[in-house]
Amino acid sequence: MINLADPLFRTQLSQKLKQDIEDATKAHFTDEPRKHLGASIIGHECSAYLWGTFRWLKQEDFSGRMLRLFNRGHLEEARFIKWLTLVGFTCYEINPETGKQFQISGVNGHFGGSLDCIVSRADIGNLLTEFKTHGEKSFVKLKAEGVRKAKPQHYRQMCSYGKLYQLKYGLYCAVNKNTDELHFEIVELDWSLADDLMRKADSIINSQVQPQKIAQNETYFDCKYCHFSGICFRGESPDKNCRSCAHCVPVENARWNCNLADPMFNPIPEDFVPNGCEKWRRII
């Protein structure tokens, strides 16, 4: 049994506990990068960022705190569903046809996403539903301007889902993480915008060269804090894997082919893709 009588030891132990939790959080939540280009980010303004994410050019090293924040967003979903159920909505999280979460897929399986929920009430009908958490500043802006203007990436995500499920309206549910204040907004979804986003996804996924960057100088605000800035502006080498290789191309069924490989090796085995080979050549 540890002796806790020494105040200095208790302080050191408390600090170590914090660091241990930080390390454990990273080990628990950090996973391999997403295999598809997500509908949740397709509305991002920088096509080079999207391409870098899809091509696994560099994995972002999130702190334990950030990973816990991401996880909190998932935990809020159950609370929103409970509240909506209390006011008469039926909430559908699982697609009865597949027994899995509602999903969308496109561009040979390389583009996709998962819906938070579809809700229904007799007086309203069916609504695509998106759950999001916000900090104080973001929440105030959302209330003042609405989701389409304040969080265009969230709105574009909803449009992508709505078009493929033929849902014309969406319910955006937000919570202020600081105060627990709620914001609900029913928005009309733009199916033509969804078509534009699908074309954008197709262009990014099938490009063998970096698309246009949002800026030509890394002093631009968004670029200063982007983990791809070293690759885009300072010649930093990307991470080595098949997807970041100039010889690798996306093919059907969300798989990848190598232009140098024996045809019997194509599509590349999925467990080999994260590693690359001795013939790897950086795509950028």
Protein backbone atom coordinates (compact mmCIF):
# COMPACT_ATOMS: atom_id res chain seq x y z
CA MET A 1 0.00 0.00 0.00
CA ILE A 2 1.35 3.45 -0.95
CA ASN A 3 1.99 5.80 1.95
CA LEU A 4 0.12 9.05 1.26
CA ALA A 5 1.31 10.90 4.37
CA ASP A 6 3.88 13.01 2.48
CA PRO A 7 2.18 16.06 0.81
CA LEU A 8 4.96 16.35 -1.80
CA PHE A 9 4.54 12.72 -2.75
CA ARG A 10 0.79 13.21 -3.07
CA THR A 11 1.39 16.13 -5.44
CA GLN A 12 3.84 14.12 -7.53
CA LEU A 13 1.47 11.18 -7.61
CA SER A 14 -1.40 13.42 -8.73
CA GLN A 15 0.72 14.86 -11.54
CA LYS A 16 1.75 11.39 -12.62
CA LEU A 17 -1.88 10.29 -12.60
CA LYS A 18 -2.73 13.13 -14.99
CA GLN A 19 0.08 12.13 -17.35
CA ASP A 20 -0.86 8.45 -17.13
CA ILE A 21 -4.45 9.31 -18.07
CA GLU A 22 -3.17 11.43 -20.95
CA ASP A 23 -1.07 8.55 -22.27
CA ALA A 24 -3.87 6.03 -21.72
CA THR A 25 -6.33 8.27 -23.58
CA LYS A 26 -4.04 8.43 -26.60
CA ALA A 27 -3.52 4.67 -26.56
CA HIS A 28 -7.26 4.01 -26.24
CA PHE A 29 -8.66 6.45 -28.79
CA THR A 30 -5.91 6.75 -31.38
CA ASP A 31 -6.69 4.48 -34.32
CA GLU A 32 -5.50 4.02 -37.87
CA PRO A 33 -6.46 6.85 -40.22
CA ARG A 34 -9.85 6.82 -41.90
CA LYS A 35 -9.81 4.79 -45.10
CA HIS A 36 -12.36 6.95 -46.93
CA LEU A 37 -12.70 10.66 -47.57
CA GLY A 38 -15.39 11.60 -45.07
CA ALA A 39 -18.58 13.53 -45.74
CA SER A 40 -17.91 15.24 -42.41
CA ILE A 41 -14.92 17.08 -43.92
CA ILE A 42 -15.78 17.34 -47.62
CA GLY A 43 -17.06 20.86 -46.97
CA HIS A 44 -13.56 21.97 -45.90
CA GLU A 45 -12.43 25.00 -47.90
CA CYS A 46 -8.98 23.66 -48.80
CA SER A 47 -8.89 20.91 -51.40
CA ALA A 48 -5.21 20.30 -50.70
CA TYR A 49 -6.10 19.54 -47.08
CA LEU A 50 -8.74 17.03 -48.18
CA TRP A 51 -6.35 15.39 -50.62
CA GLY A 52 -3.62 15.19 -47.99
CA THR A 53 -6.05 13.59 -45.55
CA PHE A 54 -7.28 11.06 -48.10
CA ARG A 55 -3.75 10.25 -49.25
CA TRP A 56 -2.49 9.78 -45.67
CA LEU A 57 0.30 12.32 -46.23
CA LYS A 58 0.69 12.96 -42.51
CA GLN A 59 -1.25 11.79 -39.49
CA GLU A 60 -2.11 14.45 -36.96
CA ASP A 61 -0.81 13.74 -33.48
CA PHE A 62 -3.72 14.70 -31.23
CA SER A 63 -3.25 15.24 -27.52
CA GLY A 64 -5.21 13.19 -25.03
CA ARG A 65 -7.28 16.27 -24.25
CA MET A 66 -8.34 16.66 -27.88
CA LEU A 67 -9.18 12.98 -28.18
CA ARG A 68 -11.37 13.26 -25.09
CA LEU A 69 -13.11 16.24 -26.65
CA PHE A 70 -13.80 14.24 -29.81
CA ASN A 71 -15.15 11.42 -27.69
CA ARG A 72 -17.42 13.82 -25.82
CA GLY A 73 -19.14 14.60 -29.10
CA HIS A 74 -20.05 10.92 -29.43
CA LEU A 75 -21.25 10.75 -25.83
CA GLU A 76 -23.63 13.68 -26.40
CA GLU A 77 -25.55 11.73 -29.04
CA ALA A 78 -27.32 9.57 -26.46
CA ARG A 79 -28.39 12.68 -24.55
CA PHE A 80 -29.84 14.33 -27.65
CA ILE A 81 -31.73 11.17 -28.56
CA LYS A 82 -33.17 11.02 -25.05
CA TRP A 83 -34.37 14.63 -25.21
CA LEU A 84 -35.90 14.22 -28.67
CA THR A 85 -37.68 11.05 -27.55
CA LEU A 86 -39.16 12.94 -24.60
CA VAL A 87 -40.84 15.43 -26.97
CA GLY A 88 -42.39 12.81 -29.22
CA PHE A 89 -39.79 11.99 -31.83
CA THR A 90 -38.94 8.47 -32.91
CA CYS A 91 -35.18 8.25 -33.40
CA TYR A 92 -33.68 5.84 -35.90
CA GLU A 93 -29.96 5.23 -35.38
CA ILE A 94 -29.81 1.89 -37.20
CA ASN A 95 -30.79 1.21 -40.80
CA PRO A 96 -33.30 -1.67 -40.62
CA GLU A 97 -32.21 -2.87 -44.07
CA THR A 98 -28.58 -3.39 -43.02
CA GLY A 99 -28.71 -3.65 -39.25
CA LYS A 100 -25.93 -1.03 -39.13
CA GLN A 101 -25.68 2.73 -38.79
CA PHE A 102 -27.12 4.71 -41.70
CA GLN A 103 -24.26 5.33 -44.13
CA ILE A 104 -23.52 6.90 -47.49
CA SER A 105 -20.91 5.81 -50.00
CA GLY A 106 -19.62 7.03 -53.34
CA VAL A 107 -16.62 7.27 -55.70
CA ASN A 108 -16.00 3.50 -55.69
CA GLY A 109 -16.34 3.36 -51.92
CA HIS A 110 -13.61 5.94 -51.29
CA PHE A 111 -16.08 8.61 -50.16
CA GLY A 112 -18.58 8.12 -47.37
CA GLY A 113 -19.92 8.90 -43.96
CA SER A 114 -22.25 7.79 -41.19
CA LEU A 115 -25.43 9.59 -40.19
CA ASP A 116 -26.00 10.43 -36.55
CA CYS A 117 -29.71 9.75 -36.74
CA ILE A 118 -32.97 10.12 -38.66
CA VAL A 119 -35.88 11.34 -36.55
CA SER A 120 -39.57 11.29 -37.25
CA ARG A 121 -42.70 12.82 -35.73
CA ALA A 122 -46.24 12.71 -37.09
CA ASP A 123 -46.60 16.48 -37.44
CA ILE A 124 -43.17 17.00 -39.04
CA GLY A 125 -42.22 13.85 -40.93
CA ASN A 126 -38.68 12.58 -41.32
CA LEU A 127 -35.65 14.75 -40.65
CA LEU A 128 -31.98 14.07 -41.15
CA THR A 129 -30.42 14.81 -37.76
CA GLU A 130 -26.93 15.96 -36.86
CA PHE A 131 -25.56 16.30 -33.31
CA LYS A 132 -22.66 18.69 -32.58
CA THR A 133 -20.89 20.12 -29.53
CA HIS A 134 -19.58 23.71 -29.44
CA GLY A 135 -17.36 25.88 -27.32
CA GLU A 136 -18.71 29.21 -26.07
CA LYS A 137 -17.51 31.41 -28.94
CA SER A 138 -18.64 28.95 -31.59
CA PHE A 139 -22.05 28.51 -29.95
CA VAL A 140 -22.70 32.27 -29.74
CA LYS A 141 -21.84 32.62 -33.44
CA LEU A 142 -24.11 29.68 -34.30
CA LYS A 143 -27.09 31.22 -32.49
CA ALA A 144 -26.52 34.58 -34.17
CA GLU A 145 -25.92 33.40 -37.73
CA GLY A 146 -27.39 29.91 -38.08
CA VAL A 147 -25.60 26.74 -39.07
CA ARG A 148 -25.41 27.44 -42.80
CA LYS A 149 -23.32 30.58 -42.27
CA ALA A 150 -21.65 29.88 -38.92
CA LYS A 151 -20.72 26.25 -39.62
CA PRO A 152 -20.81 25.75 -43.40
CA GLN A 153 -18.84 22.50 -43.16
CA HIS A 154 -21.54 21.02 -40.90
CA TYR A 155 -24.28 22.21 -43.26
CA ARG A 156 -22.52 20.71 -46.29
CA GLN A 157 -22.16 17.42 -44.44
CA MET A 158 -25.92 17.39 -43.81
CA CYS A 159 -26.65 18.15 -47.46
CA SER A 160 -24.52 15.20 -48.57
CA TYR A 161 -26.44 12.87 -46.30
CA GLY A 162 -29.83 14.35 -47.12
CA LYS A 163 -29.47 14.01 -50.88
CA LEU A 164 -28.59 10.32 -50.78
CA TYR A 165 -31.43 9.54 -48.34
CA GLN A 166 -33.88 11.83 -50.16
CA LEU A 167 -34.45 13.95 -47.06
CA LYS A 168 -35.21 17.59 -47.86
CA TYR A 169 -34.91 18.95 -44.32
CA GLY A 170 -32.45 18.46 -41.51
CA LEU A 171 -32.49 19.03 -37.76
CA TYR A 172 -29.23 20.47 -36.44
CA CYS A 173 -28.82 19.88 -32.70
CA ALA A 174 -26.06 21.72 -30.85
CA VAL A 175 -24.97 21.96 -27.24
CA ASN A 176 -22.72 24.54 -25.56
CA LYS A 177 -20.09 22.49 -23.73
CA ASN A 178 -19.55 25.32 -21.24
CA THR A 179 -23.15 25.95 -20.18
CA ASP A 180 -25.17 22.98 -21.52
CA GLU A 181 -27.40 25.43 -23.42
CA LEU A 182 -29.06 23.84 -26.44
CA HIS A 183 -29.69 25.11 -29.95
CA PHE A 184 -32.01 23.44 -32.45
CA GLU A 185 -32.39 24.46 -36.06
CA ILE A 186 -34.46 22.96 -38.87
CA VAL A 187 -32.78 23.74 -42.19
CA GLU A 188 -33.64 23.11 -45.81
CA LEU A 189 -30.99 20.90 -47.39
CA ASP A 190 -29.49 21.83 -50.75
CA TRP A 191 -29.38 18.75 -52.97
CA SER A 192 -27.59 20.60 -55.78
CA LEU A 193 -24.85 21.48 -53.29
CA ALA A 194 -24.67 17.79 -52.40
CA ASP A 195 -24.09 16.99 -56.09
CA ASP A 196 -21.31 19.59 -56.19
CA LEU A 197 -19.71 18.02 -53.13
CA MET A 198 -19.83 14.56 -54.67
CA ARG A 199 -18.10 15.90 -57.78
CA LYS A 200 -15.54 17.58 -55.52
CA ALA A 201 -14.94 14.28 -53.73
CA ASP A 202 -14.50 12.48 -57.06
CA SER A 203 -11.97 15.07 -58.24
CA ILE A 204 -9.92 14.89 -55.04
CA ILE A 205 -9.97 11.11 -54.74
CA ASN A 206 -8.90 10.51 -58.33
CA SER A 207 -6.21 13.20 -58.48
CA GLN A 208 -2.58 12.07 -58.67
CA VAL A 209 -1.38 15.63 -58.02
CA GLN A 210 -2.10 17.98 -55.15
CA PRO A 211 -5.20 20.13 -55.80
CA GLN A 212 -5.13 23.87 -55.29
CA LYS A 213 -4.22 25.03 -51.80
CA ILE A 214 -6.38 27.56 -49.99
CA ALA A 215 -3.40 29.94 -49.92
CA GLN A 216 0.08 30.24 -51.40
CA ASN A 217 1.77 31.26 -48.16
CA GLU A 218 1.81 29.42 -44.86
CA THR A 219 1.28 32.67 -42.96
CA TYR A 220 -2.40 32.43 -43.98
CA PHE A 221 -4.38 31.84 -40.79
CA ASP A 222 -5.75 28.39 -41.65
CA CYS A 223 -2.38 27.21 -42.95
CA LYS A 224 -0.49 28.28 -39.82
CA TYR A 225 -2.36 25.71 -37.77
CA CYS A 226 -2.63 22.96 -40.40
CA HIS A 227 -0.51 19.84 -39.86
CA PHE A 228 0.10 19.67 -43.64
CA SER A 229 1.81 23.09 -43.77
CA GLY A 230 5.31 21.60 -43.70
CA ILE A 231 4.47 19.40 -46.70
CA CYS A 232 2.70 22.17 -48.61
CA PHE A 233 5.24 24.94 -48.10
CA ARG A 234 8.56 23.58 -46.77
CA GLY A 235 9.15 20.39 -48.72
CA GLU A 236 8.57 18.11 -45.74
CA SER A 237 8.37 14.46 -46.74
CA PRO A 238 4.99 12.77 -46.26
CA ASP A 239 4.54 9.65 -44.18
CA LYS A 240 5.52 6.47 -46.02
CA ASN A 241 2.58 4.27 -47.00
CA CYS A 242 0.97 3.07 -50.22
CA ARG A 243 -1.55 5.91 -50.34
CA SER A 244 1.14 8.59 -50.20
CA CYS A 245 3.04 6.89 -53.06
CA ALA A 246 3.01 8.18 -56.64
CA HIS A 247 2.59 4.63 -57.96
CA CYS A 248 -0.64 3.97 -56.07
CA VAL A 249 -4.15 4.67 -57.46
CA PRO A 250 -7.60 4.24 -55.91
CA VAL A 251 -9.80 1.58 -57.55
CA GLU A 252 -13.22 0.03 -57.01
CA ASN A 253 -14.48 -1.36 -53.70
CA ALA A 254 -12.44 1.18 -51.70
CA ARG A 255 -9.21 -0.65 -52.66
CA TRP A 256 -5.87 0.50 -54.09
CA ASN A 257 -3.71 -0.69 -56.98
CA CYS A 258 0.04 -0.28 -57.47
CA ASN A 259 1.16 0.58 -61.01
CA LEU A 260 4.48 -1.23 -60.42
CA ALA A 261 3.10 -4.36 -58.83
CA ASP A 262 2.49 -7.75 -60.38
CA PRO A 263 -1.21 -7.89 -61.37
CA MET A 264 -1.61 -10.78 -58.94
CA PHE A 265 -0.73 -8.37 -56.11
CA ASN A 266 -3.53 -5.95 -57.07
CA PRO A 267 -5.61 -4.79 -55.35
CA ILE A 268 -2.95 -4.23 -52.70
CA PRO A 269 -3.67 -6.28 -49.55
CA GLU A 270 -5.30 -3.96 -47.03
CA ASP A 271 -2.83 -4.79 -44.26
CA PHE A 272 0.05 -3.80 -46.56
CA VAL A 273 -1.28 -0.32 -47.46
CA PRO A 274 -0.13 1.41 -44.22
CA ASN A 275 3.47 0.29 -44.79
CA GLY A 276 4.51 0.95 -48.38
CA CYS A 277 7.49 -0.81 -49.94
CA GLU A 278 11.08 -0.17 -51.05
CA LYS A 279 9.80 1.30 -54.33
CA TRP A 280 7.80 3.99 -52.53
CA ARG A 281 8.05 7.41 -54.18
CA ARG A 282 6.42 10.40 -52.55
CA ILE A 283 3.38 11.62 -54.47
CA ILE A 284 4.15 15.25 -53.65
